[in-house]
Structures are given as C-alpha cells and as structure tokens.
Amino acid sequence: MRLLVILSLLFCITATPAHELRPPVITVDLSRAPAVTVTVKANLEALLAGIGTRHKNTNDAPQAARYRALRALSPEALAAETRRAIDTLLRELRLSFDAHPAVLRLREVRIPDAPDTSVARTSELVLEATVPPGSRSLRWAWPRRLGDNVLRVRLPGEPKLYTAWLRDGRPSDPVDIAGLVEPSAAQVFRNYVVLGFTHIVPKGADHILFVLGLFLLSTHWRPLLYQVTAFTLAHTLTLGLSVYGLIALSPAIVEPLIAASIAFVAIENILSPQLKPWRVALVFGFGLLHGMGFAGVLTELGLPESQYLPALLSFNLGVELGQLAVIGGAWLLVLPWSSGERYRRLIVVPVSLAIAAIGLWWTWERIFLTGV
C-alpha cells in the first residue's frame, strides 16, 4: 500500500512542470515623482484566466482551458485581450498614498514573442499614477484570488529598493516615501525562510526527486549524511556566487542538467546498493547545478538590498528545512521495509525506476520540447 502511495505521488509530480507558477513582481517607481510608474511583471495569461499562485502550475487550475487559449494568442492578440479586460484588473489593484487610493491607468502592454506555447511567457503591464502632494506613505495590495506577489519600491535618489513578499493578497506595510523604511530583520528572516521552504515543498518537484534519490540509496544515516552534506555545501556555494553575480550559466544549460542529475542518482541506486566514494563527488557537482537553479528564483524575485546577505542565508535555511521535510516524510513512509533485501526489492528498485523515468523525460523535454 505504501509503495502505491509513493508511486502515486511520483506520478502526480511527473504530470506537472518541474517549476512553480511564479508570483508576479510589482515595481513601484517613484524616482520621477509626482509621476508614478507601476510595472507588473507576470504570466499575463494566468492573470487574465484568473489563475493564482496557490496552483503549482496552470494545468492544476479549473481555468486551464482558458489559459491554453490565451497562451495560443499572438502578442498582438493577447495585448488586445488585455486592454479589453484591464478595467476589471485595475479595479482590484490597490495603490494608496496616506490611505487615499490612487487612480491607476494602463500605459503599455509588453508581451514577448514566444511561439512555443508549451513554455510560459513573462509579460509586463506598465501602469501609471500620480502621488498627491505631501504624501508620506504608500501601501500596495494585490487581489487575494491571485495569491502571492513581490513588491519592490524605488524612491527618488535612493539606490536601494524596498522589497516585500506579500502572501495571499495581504496588503503591504506602509512604506515611508519621504525616507525609505527597510523591512525589519525579523520580517526578512520570516519571508525568505518561507520562500526557501516552499521552493522545495511543495513547489520544487525536481529538487524533491533529487533528494529522494539520495535518500533511497541506504537507510543507514552515514551514507545519507555524506551525500546531503555534499549537496548542501555545493548548492550553498553556487547560490551565493550566482546571486552576487560572480558566476552565471544559462538556464537552458542548467535545467536539463538538473533533470539529468535526477535520473543519474536514481539509476545508480538500481545498479549499486552501496555508497561509492565518487558518488559523493558527483553529488557535490550536481549540487552546484541545483544552487544555480535556486539562484534563478531569487534573481527574479529580488532581495532587499540593505539586508542582502541575511535574506540569502534565510532563503538557504528554508531550502535546508524543505530538504529535511522531504527526508523525514520519506523515512516515515519506508520505515516498515527499511531493513534487508526486502527494502531494496520493494522500495529502492521500483521507486528509483520511476524517478529515473521522470528525470529522463524532463531532460528530453527541457532540451527538445519546451526549452526553458
């Protein structure tokens, strides 16, 4: 029965893309006040279809058919559809100064030409408003039905950006627009730990499968400790280097290699029941790739510039907690079969076969079908 549960979970994972529907990034630019520019960087088709971030990907949503129809539109047709629907969306957006709502107007719709309809495209809505004279603070609120969003505020003469992760449509704290008020250390810690954790559980399907591949090799703690330590050190290293701009590798290279790493560890589980010294080195190498994948999320969503390092460390802590949650859940599931040949025959081989198949499919998909 538990084997069926495990295989069912793996089936659900392979039926979805490897990465989540990412939250929109909203940049409120007051650098030319009193004119205000609000740029909404988002999956525009998902917004128009009413699909929020509570769904891991668009196929999970009841509006999936509507999303696919919108995704098939040319940039020009989608822009026209957006202009027809924009009044409804603008009524749900809330930008206020000193508790007085601002009037948002659509200035421009920017939609990239992305002919491969199996790949999500990120578009931009450019809105404009005006700051009333003497305003001291602003607040932003995103529609609750659309879930999470990331707010960034740019002030005149300030190199720093105010950054906040807003969950489930909650409004932002008041932002002092006379002198930028940074989020507290406690807010940064909480927000980025949660972001790191949720990037693994439930949204990081490829990272979950890789950690499961490490776990399945042996139920003894020492092999798992060696592998997880190597993986953690490696992805921490490249996460930091990538976020600070010291290294960069195209997602078109990183994402297929991450998928291949999943298949590799699963296949080796089938071929060898013991931890080989070179496997730890390979896991370290694979961890370098996964760290670049983690960095892609932070680069897109942004970090508070005055608390860059604390936010980075908090995100990494969240990732580690997510990995521990995966390992703990897997251990509870396999506990009745965790000794002797029965464990290998009933758990390791069939589950590793399923993971390998998923990893190989994702590798093929990311190279030849969808790209990145």
Foldseek 3Di string as FASTA:
>chain_A
DLLVVLLVVLVVLLVDDQFFQDAWEWEWECQPAQKIKIKTKHLVLCVVLLHARVGRYLVVDPSNVSSLVLLQDFPVVNQVVCVVCVVVQQVQKFKDFPPHTWRKDWDDKAWDGDNQSVAGGIIMTMIMTGDPPPTFWMKIWHHLSRFKYKYWYHAHPDPFIAIAIGGSGDMDDIAGRVDGDHDDLVRLLVVLLVVLQVRQPPGRSLVLLLLVLQCLLAVDPPSSVLLVVLLLVQLLVLLVCVLVPNDDDDPLPLQLVSLQSSLVSLVVSLVDSDDDPVVSVVSNVSSNSVSNVVNVSCNVRDDGPVCRPSNSVSSSNSNVVNSVVSSVVVCVSQVVQRDDPSSCVSPSNVSSVSRNVSSVVSSCCCNPNHPD
